[in-house]
Amino acid sequence: MQLKGITIDFDDKKNCGLLPDLCLEWDEKFDELEDNQNLVDYWENNVKKVLSQTKNIVNGNIGSKAVIYSADEESIKIIKDVFSELELSILSYEELTSCESCLLYNYLDKDFNKEK
């Protein structure tokens, strides 16, 4: 199954090219991108905005990548609207669930329990 959504890789400096205003105070010589509080806040605040409108998402952190995806068309539109500065990408459901303990939300798995 293919899902559409957003990935931010906190090991990939090109995110600062996509979101330059969030990297103005970040010093790449001394700080890791995952330490860029502006970028972290951007991610967390936008995930909260999406969750306030839909629970039909697969969301979590897989390695250095923060992900939020869905197969539900209405939820995809919400993700696209909230993360309007970024392009949607496509991942397979299998890629997202390869690390089940990394996920915070998984609406496609009726037995999913984020407390595991």
Protein backbone atom coordinates (compact mmCIF):
# COMPACT_ATOMS: atom_id res chain seq x y z
CA MET A 1 0.00 0.00 0.00
CA GLN A 2 1.29 3.45 -0.92
CA LEU A 3 0.93 6.37 1.48
CA LYS A 4 1.52 10.08 0.88
CA GLY A 5 2.99 12.46 3.37
CA ILE A 6 6.02 14.31 4.65
CA THR A 7 9.45 13.20 5.82
CA ILE A 8 11.99 15.45 7.50
CA ASP A 9 15.42 13.86 7.78
CA PHE A 10 17.24 15.47 10.69
CA ASP A 11 20.56 14.21 9.27
CA ASP A 12 20.02 15.90 5.90
CA LYS A 13 21.12 19.55 5.72
CA LYS A 14 19.08 20.16 2.56
CA ASN A 15 16.07 20.61 4.86
CA CYS A 16 17.52 24.03 5.64
CA GLY A 17 17.36 24.83 1.94
CA LEU A 18 13.68 23.88 1.95
CA LEU A 19 12.93 25.72 5.20
CA PRO A 20 15.60 28.46 5.36
CA ASP A 21 13.83 30.65 7.93
CA LEU A 22 14.08 27.81 10.45
CA CYS A 23 17.85 27.61 10.08
CA LEU A 24 18.85 31.25 10.54
CA GLU A 25 20.16 30.68 14.07
CA TRP A 26 21.51 27.18 13.44
CA ASP A 27 25.30 26.88 13.16
CA GLU A 28 26.09 23.80 11.10
CA LYS A 29 29.75 23.87 12.24
CA PHE A 30 28.83 23.29 15.86
CA ASP A 31 25.30 21.89 15.97
CA GLU A 32 23.63 18.80 14.59
CA LEU A 33 20.49 19.47 12.58
CA GLU A 34 18.48 17.51 15.16
CA ASP A 35 19.57 20.16 17.68
CA ASN A 36 17.94 22.92 15.61
CA GLN A 37 15.09 23.74 17.98
CA ASN A 38 13.29 25.84 15.35
CA LEU A 39 13.10 22.86 12.99
CA VAL A 40 12.05 20.50 15.80
CA ASP A 41 9.33 22.95 16.91
CA TYR A 42 8.14 23.33 13.31
CA TRP A 43 7.72 19.57 13.04
CA GLU A 44 6.05 19.09 16.42
CA ASN A 45 3.66 22.04 16.02
CA ASN A 46 2.60 20.96 12.54
CA VAL A 47 2.02 17.36 13.64
CA LYS A 48 -0.23 18.72 16.40
CA LYS A 49 -2.13 20.77 13.81
CA VAL A 50 -2.65 17.68 11.68
CA LEU A 51 -3.75 15.62 14.69
CA SER A 52 -6.27 18.30 15.66
CA GLN A 53 -7.98 17.67 12.31
CA THR A 54 -7.50 13.93 11.73
CA LYS A 55 -6.25 10.79 13.46
CA ASN A 56 -5.94 8.89 10.15
CA ILE A 57 -2.15 9.08 10.02
CA VAL A 58 0.96 6.98 10.40
CA ASN A 59 3.45 9.08 12.36
CA GLY A 60 6.71 8.58 14.18
CA ASN A 61 10.48 8.72 14.00
CA ILE A 62 12.40 6.17 12.00
CA GLY A 63 16.08 6.70 12.66
CA SER A 64 16.79 10.36 11.97
CA LYS A 65 13.61 10.74 9.91
CA ALA A 66 10.38 12.17 11.25
CA VAL A 67 7.42 10.93 9.20
CA ILE A 68 3.72 11.67 8.85
CA TYR A 69 1.80 9.80 6.14
CA SER A 70 -1.68 8.60 5.25
CA ALA A 71 -3.61 6.68 2.62
CA ASP A 72 -6.79 8.62 3.41
CA GLU A 73 -7.33 11.37 0.81
CA GLU A 74 -8.82 13.85 3.29
CA SER A 75 -5.91 13.32 5.70
CA ILE A 76 -3.39 13.69 2.86
CA LYS A 77 -4.96 17.05 2.00
CA ILE A 78 -4.66 18.14 5.65
CA ILE A 79 -0.99 17.10 5.75
CA LYS A 80 -0.34 18.95 2.49
CA ASP A 81 -2.08 22.11 3.75
CA VAL A 82 -0.32 22.12 7.13
CA PHE A 83 3.14 21.36 5.71
CA SER A 84 2.55 23.69 2.75
CA GLU A 85 6.24 24.60 2.38
CA LEU A 86 7.19 20.97 1.65
CA GLU A 87 6.42 18.56 -1.17
CA LEU A 88 4.47 15.38 -0.46
CA SER A 89 6.34 12.15 -1.02
CA ILE A 90 5.24 8.55 -1.33
CA LEU A 91 6.31 5.65 0.89
CA SER A 92 5.06 2.14 1.15
CA TYR A 93 3.25 1.10 4.29
CA GLU A 94 5.86 -1.64 4.74
CA GLU A 95 8.65 0.97 4.86
CA LEU A 96 6.84 2.89 7.57
CA THR A 97 6.05 -0.16 9.68
CA SER A 98 9.54 -1.68 9.41
CA CYS A 99 10.17 -0.14 12.84
CA GLU A 100 6.84 -0.55 14.60
CA SER A 101 8.22 0.66 17.94
CA CYS A 102 9.22 3.92 16.22
CA LEU A 103 5.63 4.85 15.40
CA LEU A 104 3.41 7.04 17.56
CA TYR A 105 0.25 6.69 15.43
CA ASN A 106 -0.80 3.99 12.99
CA TYR A 107 -4.46 4.22 12.02
CA LEU A 108 -4.12 1.34 9.53
CA ASP A 109 -3.36 -1.21 12.25
CA LYS A 110 -6.45 -1.74 14.40
CA ASP A 111 -4.29 -3.51 17.00
CA PHE A 112 -1.69 -0.72 17.16
CA ASN A 113 -0.91 0.40 20.69
CA LYS A 114 1.59 3.23 21.01
CA GLU A 115 2.09 2.26 24.64
CA LYS A 116 3.95 -0.94 23.64
